[in-house]
mmCIF file of all heavy atoms, coordinates in Angstrom:
data_MODEL
# 
_entry.id   MODEL 
# 
loop_
_atom_site.group_PDB 
_atom_site.id 
_atom_site.type_symbol 
_atom_site.label_atom_id 
_atom_site.label_alt_id 
_atom_site.label_comp_id 
_atom_site.label_asym_id 
_atom_site.label_entity_id 
_atom_site.label_seq_id 
_atom_site.pdbx_PDB_ins_code 
_atom_site.Cartn_x 
_atom_site.Cartn_y 
_atom_site.Cartn_z 
_atom_site.occupancy 
_atom_site.B_iso_or_equiv 
_atom_site.pdbx_formal_charge 
_atom_site.auth_seq_id 
_atom_site.auth_comp_id 
_atom_site.auth_asym_id 
_atom_site.auth_atom_id 
_atom_site.pdbx_PDB_model_num 
ATOM 1   N N   . ILE A 1 1  ? 0.840  -1.201  0.000   1.00 0.00 ? 1  ILE A N   1 
ATOM 2   C CA  . ILE A 1 1  ? 0.000  0.000   0.000   1.00 0.00 ? 1  ILE A CA  1 
ATOM 3   C C   . ILE A 1 1  ? 0.875  1.252   0.000   1.00 0.00 ? 1  ILE A C   1 
ATOM 4   O O   . ILE A 1 1  ? 0.634  2.204   -0.754  1.00 0.00 ? 1  ILE A O   1 
ATOM 5   C CB  . ILE A 1 1  ? -0.938 -0.007  1.226   1.00 0.00 ? 1  ILE A CB  1 
ATOM 6   C CG1 . ILE A 1 1  ? -1.974 -1.125  1.092   1.00 0.00 ? 1  ILE A CG1 1 
ATOM 7   C CG2 . ILE A 1 1  ? -1.624 1.347   1.391   1.00 0.00 ? 1  ILE A CG2 1 
ATOM 8   C CD1 . ILE A 1 1  ? -2.805 -1.350  2.340   1.00 0.00 ? 1  ILE A CD1 1 
ATOM 9   N N   . LEU A 1 2  ? 1.921  1.251   0.843   1.00 0.00 ? 2  LEU A N   1 
ATOM 10  C CA  . LEU A 1 2  ? 2.815  2.404   0.929   1.00 0.00 ? 2  LEU A CA  1 
ATOM 11  C C   . LEU A 1 2  ? 3.516  2.653   -0.396  1.00 0.00 ? 2  LEU A C   1 
ATOM 12  O O   . LEU A 1 2  ? 3.542  3.789   -0.903  1.00 0.00 ? 2  LEU A O   1 
ATOM 13  C CB  . LEU A 1 2  ? 3.853  2.184   2.035   1.00 0.00 ? 2  LEU A CB  1 
ATOM 14  C CG  . LEU A 1 2  ? 4.963  3.230   2.140   1.00 0.00 ? 2  LEU A CG  1 
ATOM 15  C CD1 . LEU A 1 2  ? 4.383  4.616   2.435   1.00 0.00 ? 2  LEU A CD1 1 
ATOM 16  C CD2 . LEU A 1 2  ? 5.976  2.835   3.213   1.00 0.00 ? 2  LEU A CD2 1 
ATOM 17  N N   . LEU A 1 3  ? 4.107  1.613   -0.988  1.00 0.00 ? 3  LEU A N   1 
ATOM 18  C CA  . LEU A 1 3  ? 4.851  1.783   -2.238  1.00 0.00 ? 3  LEU A CA  1 
ATOM 19  C C   . LEU A 1 3  ? 3.928  2.207   -3.375  1.00 0.00 ? 3  LEU A C   1 
ATOM 20  O O   . LEU A 1 3  ? 4.297  3.057   -4.204  1.00 0.00 ? 3  LEU A O   1 
ATOM 21  C CB  . LEU A 1 3  ? 5.591  0.491   -2.592  1.00 0.00 ? 3  LEU A CB  1 
ATOM 22  C CG  . LEU A 1 3  ? 6.661  0.040   -1.595  1.00 0.00 ? 3  LEU A CG  1 
ATOM 23  C CD1 . LEU A 1 3  ? 7.370  -1.208  -2.099  1.00 0.00 ? 3  LEU A CD1 1 
ATOM 24  C CD2 . LEU A 1 3  ? 7.674  1.135   -1.312  1.00 0.00 ? 3  LEU A CD2 1 
ATOM 25  N N   . ASP A 1 4  ? 2.726  1.634   -3.426  1.00 0.00 ? 4  ASP A N   1 
ATOM 26  C CA  . ASP A 1 4  ? 1.761  2.021   -4.468  1.00 0.00 ? 4  ASP A CA  1 
ATOM 27  C C   . ASP A 1 4  ? 1.358  3.481   -4.306  1.00 0.00 ? 4  ASP A C   1 
ATOM 28  O O   . ASP A 1 4  ? 1.235  4.222   -5.291  1.00 0.00 ? 4  ASP A O   1 
ATOM 29  C CB  . ASP A 1 4  ? 0.517  1.130   -4.401  1.00 0.00 ? 4  ASP A CB  1 
ATOM 30  C CG  . ASP A 1 4  ? 0.769  -0.271  -4.942  1.00 0.00 ? 4  ASP A CG  1 
ATOM 31  O OD1 . ASP A 1 4  ? 1.827  -0.476  -5.583  1.00 0.00 ? 4  ASP A OD1 1 
ATOM 32  O OD2 . ASP A 1 4  ? -0.079 -1.153  -4.717  1.00 0.00 ? 4  ASP A OD2 1 
ATOM 33  N N   . THR A 1 5  ? 1.150  3.908   -3.063  1.00 0.00 ? 5  THR A N   1 
ATOM 34  C CA  . THR A 1 5  ? 0.762  5.302   -2.803  1.00 0.00 ? 5  THR A CA  1 
ATOM 35  C C   . THR A 1 5  ? 1.839  6.273   -3.275  1.00 0.00 ? 5  THR A C   1 
ATOM 36  O O   . THR A 1 5  ? 1.544  7.334   -3.837  1.00 0.00 ? 5  THR A O   1 
ATOM 37  C CB  . THR A 1 5  ? 0.509  5.510   -1.295  1.00 0.00 ? 5  THR A CB  1 
ATOM 38  O OG1 . THR A 1 5  ? -0.558 4.654   -0.875  1.00 0.00 ? 5  THR A OG1 1 
ATOM 39  C CG2 . THR A 1 5  ? 0.133  6.960   -0.995  1.00 0.00 ? 5  THR A CG2 1 
ATOM 40  N N   . LEU A 1 6  ? 3.105  5.896   -3.044  1.00 0.00 ? 6  LEU A N   1 
ATOM 41  C CA  . LEU A 1 6  ? 4.226  6.767   -3.396  1.00 0.00 ? 6  LEU A CA  1 
ATOM 42  C C   . LEU A 1 6  ? 4.670  6.608   -4.851  1.00 0.00 ? 6  LEU A C   1 
ATOM 43  O O   . LEU A 1 6  ? 5.527  7.360   -5.323  1.00 0.00 ? 6  LEU A O   1 
ATOM 44  C CB  . LEU A 1 6  ? 5.408  6.491   -2.468  1.00 0.00 ? 6  LEU A CB  1 
ATOM 45  C CG  . LEU A 1 6  ? 5.171  6.745   -0.971  1.00 0.00 ? 6  LEU A CG  1 
ATOM 46  C CD1 . LEU A 1 6  ? 6.408  6.370   -0.169  1.00 0.00 ? 6  LEU A CD1 1 
ATOM 47  C CD2 . LEU A 1 6  ? 4.781  8.196   -0.720  1.00 0.00 ? 6  LEU A CD2 1 
ATOM 48  N N   . GLY A 1 7  ? 4.097  5.636   -5.547  1.00 0.00 ? 7  GLY A N   1 
ATOM 49  C CA  . GLY A 1 7  ? 4.500  5.402   -6.935  1.00 0.00 ? 7  GLY A CA  1 
ATOM 50  C C   . GLY A 1 7  ? 5.866  4.762   -7.052  1.00 0.00 ? 7  GLY A C   1 
ATOM 51  O O   . GLY A 1 7  ? 6.581  4.973   -8.048  1.00 0.00 ? 7  GLY A O   1 
ATOM 52  N N   . LEU A 1 8  ? 6.240  3.967   -6.058  1.00 0.00 ? 8  LEU A N   1 
ATOM 53  C CA  . LEU A 1 8  ? 7.534  3.292   -6.064  1.00 0.00 ? 8  LEU A CA  1 
ATOM 54  C C   . LEU A 1 8  ? 7.363  1.848   -6.533  1.00 0.00 ? 8  LEU A C   1 
ATOM 55  O O   . LEU A 1 8  ? 6.365  1.199   -6.217  1.00 0.00 ? 8  LEU A O   1 
ATOM 56  C CB  . LEU A 1 8  ? 8.148  3.312   -4.665  1.00 0.00 ? 8  LEU A CB  1 
ATOM 57  C CG  . LEU A 1 8  ? 8.436  4.689   -4.075  1.00 0.00 ? 8  LEU A CG  1 
ATOM 58  C CD1 . LEU A 1 8  ? 8.919  4.568   -2.631  1.00 0.00 ? 8  LEU A CD1 1 
ATOM 59  C CD2 . LEU A 1 8  ? 9.469  5.427   -4.915  1.00 0.00 ? 8  LEU A CD2 1 
ATOM 60  N N   . LYS A 1 9  ? 8.348  1.369   -7.281  1.00 0.00 ? 9  LYS A N   1 
ATOM 61  C CA  . LYS A 1 9  ? 8.277  0.005   -7.815  1.00 0.00 ? 9  LYS A CA  1 
ATOM 62  C C   . LYS A 1 9  ? 9.493  -0.800  -7.358  1.00 0.00 ? 9  LYS A C   1 
ATOM 63  O O   . LYS A 1 9  ? 10.583 -0.246  -7.145  1.00 0.00 ? 9  LYS A O   1 
ATOM 64  C CB  . LYS A 1 9  ? 8.206  0.030   -9.338  1.00 0.00 ? 9  LYS A CB  1 
ATOM 65  C CG  . LYS A 1 9  ? 9.372  0.745   -9.999  1.00 0.00 ? 9  LYS A CG  1 
ATOM 66  C CD  . LYS A 1 9  ? 9.158  0.870   -11.500 1.00 0.00 ? 9  LYS A CD  1 
ATOM 67  C CE  . LYS A 1 9  ? 10.339 1.627   -12.147 1.00 0.00 ? 9  LYS A CE  1 
ATOM 68  N NZ  . LYS A 1 9  ? 10.146 1.824   -13.582 1.00 0.00 ? 9  LYS A NZ  1 
ATOM 69  N N   . PRO A 1 10 ? 9.325  -2.111  -7.215  1.00 0.00 ? 10 PRO A N   1 
ATOM 70  C CA  . PRO A 1 10 ? 10.445 -2.954  -6.775  1.00 0.00 ? 10 PRO A CA  1 
ATOM 71  C C   . PRO A 1 10 ? 11.568 -2.975  -7.819  1.00 0.00 ? 10 PRO A C   1 
ATOM 72  O O   . PRO A 1 10 ? 11.311 -3.030  -9.023  1.00 0.00 ? 10 PRO A O   1 
ATOM 73  C CB  . PRO A 1 10 ? 9.823  -4.339  -6.624  1.00 0.00 ? 10 PRO A CB  1 
ATOM 74  C CG  . PRO A 1 10 ? 8.352  -4.097  -6.497  1.00 0.00 ? 10 PRO A CG  1 
ATOM 75  C CD  . PRO A 1 10 ? 8.080  -2.877  -7.318  1.00 0.00 ? 10 PRO A CD  1 
ATOM 76  N N   . LYS A 1 11 ? 12.791 -2.933  -7.331  1.00 0.00 ? 11 LYS A N   1 
ATOM 77  C CA  . LYS A 1 11 ? 13.950 -3.015  -8.205  1.00 0.00 ? 11 LYS A CA  1 
ATOM 78  C C   . LYS A 1 11 ? 14.209 -4.472  -8.576  1.00 0.00 ? 11 LYS A C   1 
ATOM 79  O O   . LYS A 1 11 ? 14.074 -5.377  -7.743  1.00 0.00 ? 11 LYS A O   1 
ATOM 80  C CB  . LYS A 1 11 ? 15.170 -2.425  -7.479  1.00 0.00 ? 11 LYS A CB  1 
ATOM 81  C CG  . LYS A 1 11 ? 16.404 -2.268  -8.339  1.00 0.00 ? 11 LYS A CG  1 
ATOM 82  C CD  . LYS A 1 11 ? 17.483 -1.535  -7.546  1.00 0.00 ? 11 LYS A CD  1 
ATOM 83  C CE  . LYS A 1 11 ? 18.713 -1.276  -8.408  1.00 0.00 ? 11 LYS A CE  1 
ATOM 84  N NZ  . LYS A 1 11 ? 19.719 -0.466  -7.686  1.00 0.00 ? 11 LYS A NZ  1 
ATOM 85  N N   . LYS A 1 12 ? 14.611 -4.707  -9.804  1.00 0.00 ? 12 LYS A N   1 
ATOM 86  C CA  . LYS A 1 12 ? 14.897 -6.064  -10.256 1.00 0.00 ? 12 LYS A CA  1 
ATOM 87  C C   . LYS A 1 12 ? 16.264 -6.509  -9.741  1.00 0.00 ? 12 LYS A C   1 
ATOM 88  O O   . LYS A 1 12 ? 17.138 -5.683  -9.477  1.00 0.00 ? 12 LYS A O   1 
ATOM 89  C CB  . LYS A 1 12 ? 14.863 -6.120  -11.784 1.00 0.00 ? 12 LYS A CB  1 
ATOM 90  C CG  . LYS A 1 12 ? 13.491 -5.844  -12.372 1.00 0.00 ? 12 LYS A CG  1 
ATOM 91  C CD  . LYS A 1 12 ? 13.520 -5.892  -13.895 1.00 0.00 ? 12 LYS A CD  1 
ATOM 92  C CE  . LYS A 1 12 ? 12.138 -5.602  -14.479 1.00 0.00 ? 12 LYS A CE  1 
ATOM 93  N NZ  . LYS A 1 12 ? 12.163 -5.613  -15.964 1.00 0.00 ? 12 LYS A NZ  1 
ATOM 94  N N   . PRO A 1 13 ? 16.466 -7.824  -9.598  1.00 0.00 ? 13 PRO A N   1 
ATOM 95  C CA  . PRO A 1 13 ? 17.764 -8.310  -9.106  1.00 0.00 ? 13 PRO A CA  1 
ATOM 96  C C   . PRO A 1 13 ? 18.881 -8.084  -10.123 1.00 0.00 ? 13 PRO A C   1 
ATOM 97  O O   . PRO A 1 13 ? 18.626 -8.001  -11.327 1.00 0.00 ? 13 PRO A O   1 
ATOM 98  C CB  . PRO A 1 13 ? 17.515 -9.805  -8.880  1.00 0.00 ? 13 PRO A CB  1 
ATOM 99  C CG  . PRO A 1 13 ? 16.393 -10.148 -9.802  1.00 0.00 ? 13 PRO A CG  1 
ATOM 100 C CD  . PRO A 1 13 ? 15.518 -8.924  -9.849  1.00 0.00 ? 13 PRO A CD  1 
ATOM 101 N N   . PHE A 1 14 ? 20.082 -7.962  -9.627  1.00 0.00 ? 14 PHE A N   1 
ATOM 102 C CA  . PHE A 1 14 ? 21.316 -7.898  -10.425 1.00 0.00 ? 14 PHE A CA  1 
ATOM 103 C C   . PHE A 1 14 ? 21.400 -6.681  -11.351 1.00 0.00 ? 14 PHE A C   1 
ATOM 104 O O   . PHE A 1 14 ? 22.060 -6.716  -12.370 1.00 0.00 ? 14 PHE A O   1 
ATOM 105 C CB  . PHE A 1 14 ? 21.490 -9.186  -11.241 1.00 0.00 ? 14 PHE A CB  1 
ATOM 106 C CG  . PHE A 1 14 ? 21.316 -10.444 -10.447 1.00 0.00 ? 14 PHE A CG  1 
ATOM 107 C CD1 . PHE A 1 14 ? 20.278 -11.331 -10.738 1.00 0.00 ? 14 PHE A CD1 1 
ATOM 108 C CD2 . PHE A 1 14 ? 22.156 -10.735 -9.383  1.00 0.00 ? 14 PHE A CD2 1 
ATOM 109 C CE1 . PHE A 1 14 ? 20.099 -12.489 -9.993  1.00 0.00 ? 14 PHE A CE1 1 
ATOM 110 C CE2 . PHE A 1 14 ? 21.990 -11.899 -8.629  1.00 0.00 ? 14 PHE A CE2 1 
ATOM 111 C CZ  . PHE A 1 14 ? 20.957 -12.772 -8.942  1.00 0.00 ? 14 PHE A CZ  1 
ATOM 112 N N   . GLU A 1 15 ? 20.718 -5.597  -10.981 1.00 0.00 ? 15 GLU A N   1 
ATOM 113 C CA  . GLU A 1 15 ? 20.815 -4.379  -11.782 1.00 0.00 ? 15 GLU A CA  1 
ATOM 114 C C   . GLU A 1 15 ? 22.121 -3.642  -11.515 1.00 0.00 ? 15 GLU A C   1 
ATOM 115 O O   . GLU A 1 15 ? 22.639 -2.953  -12.400 1.00 0.00 ? 15 GLU A O   1 
ATOM 116 C CB  . GLU A 1 15 ? 19.626 -3.448  -11.503 1.00 0.00 ? 15 GLU A CB  1 
ATOM 117 C CG  . GLU A 1 15 ? 18.333 -3.894  -12.155 1.00 0.00 ? 15 GLU A CG  1 
ATOM 118 C CD  . GLU A 1 15 ? 17.269 -2.812  -12.138 1.00 0.00 ? 15 GLU A CD  1 
ATOM 119 O OE1 . GLU A 1 15 ? 17.560 -1.696  -11.656 1.00 0.00 ? 15 GLU A OE1 1 
ATOM 120 O OE2 . GLU A 1 15 ? 16.151 -3.062  -12.607 1.00 0.00 ? 15 GLU A OE2 1 
ATOM 121 N N   . ASP A 1 16 ? 22.663 -3.783  -10.292 1.00 0.00 ? 16 ASP A N   1 
ATOM 122 C CA  . ASP A 1 16 ? 23.883 -3.061  -9.933  1.00 0.00 ? 16 ASP A CA  1 
ATOM 123 C C   . ASP A 1 16 ? 25.145 -3.893  -10.148 1.00 0.00 ? 16 ASP A C   1 
ATOM 124 O O   . ASP A 1 16 ? 26.205 -3.360  -10.468 1.00 0.00 ? 16 ASP A O   1 
ATOM 125 C CB  . ASP A 1 16 ? 23.820 -2.612  -8.467  1.00 0.00 ? 16 ASP A CB  1 
ATOM 126 C CG  . ASP A 1 16 ? 22.703 -1.617  -8.224  1.00 0.00 ? 16 ASP A CG  1 
ATOM 127 O OD1 . ASP A 1 16 ? 22.412 -0.834  -9.138  1.00 0.00 ? 16 ASP A OD1 1 
ATOM 128 O OD2 . ASP A 1 16 ? 22.119 -1.631  -7.123  1.00 0.00 ? 16 ASP A OD2 1 
ATOM 129 N N   . HIS A 1 17 ? 25.021 -5.197  -9.948  1.00 0.00 ? 17 HIS A N   1 
ATOM 130 C CA  . HIS A 1 17 ? 26.158 -6.099  -10.119 1.00 0.00 ? 17 HIS A CA  1 
ATOM 131 C C   . HIS A 1 17 ? 25.651 -7.384  -10.756 1.00 0.00 ? 17 HIS A C   1 
ATOM 132 O O   . HIS A 1 17 ? 24.539 -7.830  -10.473 1.00 0.00 ? 17 HIS A O   1 
ATOM 133 C CB  . HIS A 1 17 ? 26.831 -6.403  -8.774  1.00 0.00 ? 17 HIS A CB  1 
ATOM 134 C CG  . HIS A 1 17 ? 27.384 -5.195  -8.101  1.00 0.00 ? 17 HIS A CG  1 
ATOM 135 N ND1 . HIS A 1 17 ? 28.636 -4.691  -8.355  1.00 0.00 ? 17 HIS A ND1 1 
ATOM 136 C CD2 . HIS A 1 17 ? 26.824 -4.361  -7.186  1.00 0.00 ? 17 HIS A CD2 1 
ATOM 137 C CE1 . HIS A 1 17 ? 28.830 -3.615  -7.627  1.00 0.00 ? 17 HIS A CE1 1 
ATOM 138 N NE2 . HIS A 1 17 ? 27.754 -3.385  -6.903  1.00 0.00 ? 17 HIS A NE2 1 
ATOM 139 N N   . LYS A 1 18 ? 26.474 -7.984  -11.586 1.00 0.00 ? 18 LYS A N   1 
ATOM 140 C CA  . LYS A 1 18 ? 26.033 -9.183  -12.293 1.00 0.00 ? 18 LYS A CA  1 
ATOM 141 C C   . LYS A 1 18 ? 25.815 -10.344 -11.320 1.00 0.00 ? 18 LYS A C   1 
ATOM 142 O O   . LYS A 1 18 ? 26.381 -10.371 -10.221 1.00 0.00 ? 18 LYS A O   1 
ATOM 143 C CB  . LYS A 1 18 ? 27.053 -9.573  -13.363 1.00 0.00 ? 18 LYS A CB  1 
ATOM 144 C CG  . LYS A 1 18 ? 28.397 -10.026 -12.834 1.00 0.00 ? 18 LYS A CG  1 
ATOM 145 C CD  . LYS A 1 18 ? 29.324 -10.408 -13.987 1.00 0.00 ? 18 LYS A CD  1 
ATOM 146 C CE  . LYS A 1 18 ? 30.666 -10.921 -13.453 1.00 0.00 ? 18 LYS A CE  1 
ATOM 147 N NZ  . LYS A 1 18 ? 31.571 -11.337 -14.555 1.00 0.00 ? 18 LYS A NZ  1 
ATOM 148 N N   . LYS A 1 19 ? 25.035 -11.274 -11.761 1.00 0.00 ? 19 LYS A N   1 
ATOM 149 C CA  . LYS A 1 19 ? 24.744 -12.453 -10.953 1.00 0.00 ? 19 LYS A CA  1 
ATOM 150 C C   . LYS A 1 19 ? 26.028 -13.260 -10.735 1.00 0.00 ? 19 LYS A C   1 
ATOM 151 O O   . LYS A 1 19 ? 26.751 -13.574 -11.681 1.00 0.00 ? 19 LYS A O   1 
ATOM 152 C CB  . LYS A 1 19 ? 23.702 -13.315 -11.665 1.00 0.00 ? 19 LYS A CB  1 
ATOM 153 C CG  . LYS A 1 19 ? 23.383 -14.616 -10.949 1.00 0.00 ? 19 LYS A CG  1 
ATOM 154 C CD  . LYS A 1 19 ? 22.419 -15.463 -11.768 1.00 0.00 ? 19 LYS A CD  1 
ATOM 155 C CE  . LYS A 1 19 ? 22.213 -16.840 -11.117 1.00 0.00 ? 19 LYS A CE  1 
ATOM 156 N NZ  . LYS A 1 19 ? 21.314 -17.690 -11.939 1.00 0.00 ? 19 LYS A NZ  1 
ATOM 157 N N   . PRO A 1 20 ? 26.334 -13.619 -9.480  1.00 0.00 ? 20 PRO A N   1 
ATOM 158 C CA  . PRO A 1 20 ? 27.536 -14.421 -9.224  1.00 0.00 ? 20 PRO A CA  1 
ATOM 159 C C   . PRO A 1 20 ? 27.426 -15.809 -9.846  1.00 0.00 ? 20 PRO A C   1 
ATOM 160 O O   . PRO A 1 20 ? 26.361 -16.438 -9.804  1.00 0.00 ? 20 PRO A O   1 
ATOM 161 C CB  . PRO A 1 20 ? 27.592 -14.522 -7.692  1.00 0.00 ? 20 PRO A CB  1 
ATOM 162 C CG  . PRO A 1 20 ? 26.702 -13.442 -7.193  1.00 0.00 ? 20 PRO A CG  1 
ATOM 163 C CD  . PRO A 1 20 ? 25.643 -13.258 -8.228  1.00 0.00 ? 20 PRO A CD  1 
ATOM 164 N N   . GLU A 1 21 ? 28.511 -16.268 -10.426 1.00 0.00 ? 21 GLU A N   1 
ATOM 165 C CA  . GLU A 1 21 ? 28.545 -17.617 -10.975 1.00 0.00 ? 21 GLU A CA  1 
ATOM 166 C C   . GLU A 1 21 ? 28.879 -18.616 -9.867  1.00 0.00 ? 21 GLU A C   1 
ATOM 167 O O   . GLU A 1 21 ? 29.690 -18.335 -8.987  1.00 0.00 ? 21 GLU A O   1 
ATOM 168 C CB  . GLU A 1 21 ? 29.589 -17.718 -12.086 1.00 0.00 ? 21 GLU A CB  1 
ATOM 169 C CG  . GLU A 1 21 ? 29.257 -16.880 -13.310 1.00 0.00 ? 21 GLU A CG  1 
ATOM 170 C CD  . GLU A 1 21 ? 30.293 -17.049 -14.404 1.00 0.00 ? 21 GLU A CD  1 
ATOM 171 O OE1 . GLU A 1 21 ? 31.175 -17.925 -14.253 1.00 0.00 ? 21 GLU A OE1 1 
ATOM 172 O OE2 . GLU A 1 21 ? 30.221 -16.316 -15.397 1.00 0.00 ? 21 GLU A OE2 1 
ATOM 173 N N   . VAL A 1 22 ? 28.257 -19.768 -9.938  1.00 0.00 ? 22 VAL A N   1 
ATOM 174 C CA  . VAL A 1 22 ? 28.576 -20.853 -9.015  1.00 0.00 ? 22 VAL A CA  1 
ATOM 175 C C   . VAL A 1 22 ? 29.688 -21.681 -9.648  1.00 0.00 ? 22 VAL A C   1 
ATOM 176 O O   . VAL A 1 22 ? 29.613 -22.038 -10.826 1.00 0.00 ? 22 VAL A O   1 
ATOM 177 C CB  . VAL A 1 22 ? 27.336 -21.730 -8.734  1.00 0.00 ? 22 VAL A CB  1 
ATOM 178 C CG1 . VAL A 1 22 ? 27.696 -22.895 -7.821  1.00 0.00 ? 22 VAL A CG1 1 
ATOM 179 C CG2 . VAL A 1 22 ? 26.226 -20.890 -8.112  1.00 0.00 ? 22 VAL A CG2 1 
ATOM 180 N N   . TYR A 1 23 ? 30.718 -21.956 -8.897  1.00 0.00 ? 23 TYR A N   1 
ATOM 181 C CA  . TYR A 1 23 ? 31.844 -22.712 -9.459  1.00 0.00 ? 23 TYR A CA  1 
ATOM 182 C C   . TYR A 1 23 ? 32.433 -23.650 -8.413  1.00 0.00 ? 23 TYR A C   1 
ATOM 183 O O   . TYR A 1 23 ? 32.229 -23.485 -7.210  1.00 0.00 ? 23 TYR A O   1 
ATOM 184 C CB  . TYR A 1 23 ? 32.923 -21.755 -9.984  1.00 0.00 ? 23 TYR A CB  1 
ATOM 185 C CG  . TYR A 1 23 ? 33.462 -20.762 -8.971  1.00 0.00 ? 23 TYR A CG  1 
ATOM 186 C CD1 . TYR A 1 23 ? 34.565 -21.056 -8.184  1.00 0.00 ? 23 TYR A CD1 1 
ATOM 187 C CD2 . TYR A 1 23 ? 32.843 -19.516 -8.808  1.00 0.00 ? 23 TYR A CD2 1 
ATOM 188 C CE1 . TYR A 1 23 ? 35.054 -20.148 -7.254  1.00 0.00 ? 23 TYR A CE1 1 
ATOM 189 C CE2 . TYR A 1 23 ? 33.317 -18.602 -7.876  1.00 0.00 ? 23 TYR A CE2 1 
ATOM 190 C CZ  . TYR A 1 23 ? 34.429 -18.926 -7.109  1.00 0.00 ? 23 TYR A CZ  1 
ATOM 191 O OH  . TYR A 1 23 ? 34.899 -18.025 -6.180  1.00 0.00 ? 23 TYR A OH  1 
ATOM 192 N N   . ASP A 1 24 ? 33.131 -24.663 -8.914  1.00 0.00 ? 24 ASP A N   1 
ATOM 193 C CA  . ASP A 1 24 ? 33.782 -25.620 -8.018  1.00 0.00 ? 24 ASP A CA  1 
ATOM 194 C C   . ASP A 1 24 ? 35.070 -25.000 -7.490  1.00 0.00 ? 24 ASP A C   1 
ATOM 195 O O   . ASP A 1 24 ? 35.896 -24.515 -8.258  1.00 0.00 ? 24 ASP A O   1 
ATOM 196 C CB  . ASP A 1 24 ? 34.094 -26.921 -8.758  1.00 0.00 ? 24 ASP A CB  1 
ATOM 197 C CG  . ASP A 1 24 ? 32.830 -27.687 -9.136  1.00 0.00 ? 24 ASP A CG  1 
ATOM 198 O OD1 . ASP A 1 24 ? 31.853 -27.597 -8.368  1.00 0.00 ? 24 ASP A OD1 1 
ATOM 199 O OD2 . ASP A 1 24 ? 32.824 -28.342 -10.192 1.00 0.00 ? 24 ASP A OD2 1 
ATOM 200 N N   . LEU A 1 25 ? 35.206 -25.035 -6.196  1.00 0.00 ? 25 LEU A N   1 
ATOM 201 C CA  . LEU A 1 25 ? 36.395 -24.477 -5.551  1.00 0.00 ? 25 LEU A CA  1 
ATOM 202 C C   . LEU A 1 25 ? 37.295 -25.622 -5.113  1.00 0.00 ? 25 LEU A C   1 
ATOM 203 O O   . LEU A 1 25 ? 36.852 -26.551 -4.424  1.00 0.00 ? 25 LEU A O   1 
ATOM 204 C CB  . LEU A 1 25 ? 35.983 -23.630 -4.346  1.00 0.00 ? 25 LEU A CB  1 
ATOM 205 C CG  . LEU A 1 25 ? 37.090 -22.891 -3.601  1.00 0.00 ? 25 LEU A CG  1 
ATOM 206 C CD1 . LEU A 1 25 ? 37.705 -21.811 -4.475  1.00 0.00 ? 25 LEU A CD1 1 
ATOM 207 C CD2 . LEU A 1 25 ? 36.537 -22.260 -2.321  1.00 0.00 ? 25 LEU A CD2 1 
# 
């Protein structure tokens, strides 16, 4: 309700940094 009232929308994942890769260590 709060976010809709303010016109704010959820940010999508990995917009600031790429998705970490899973790898064998």
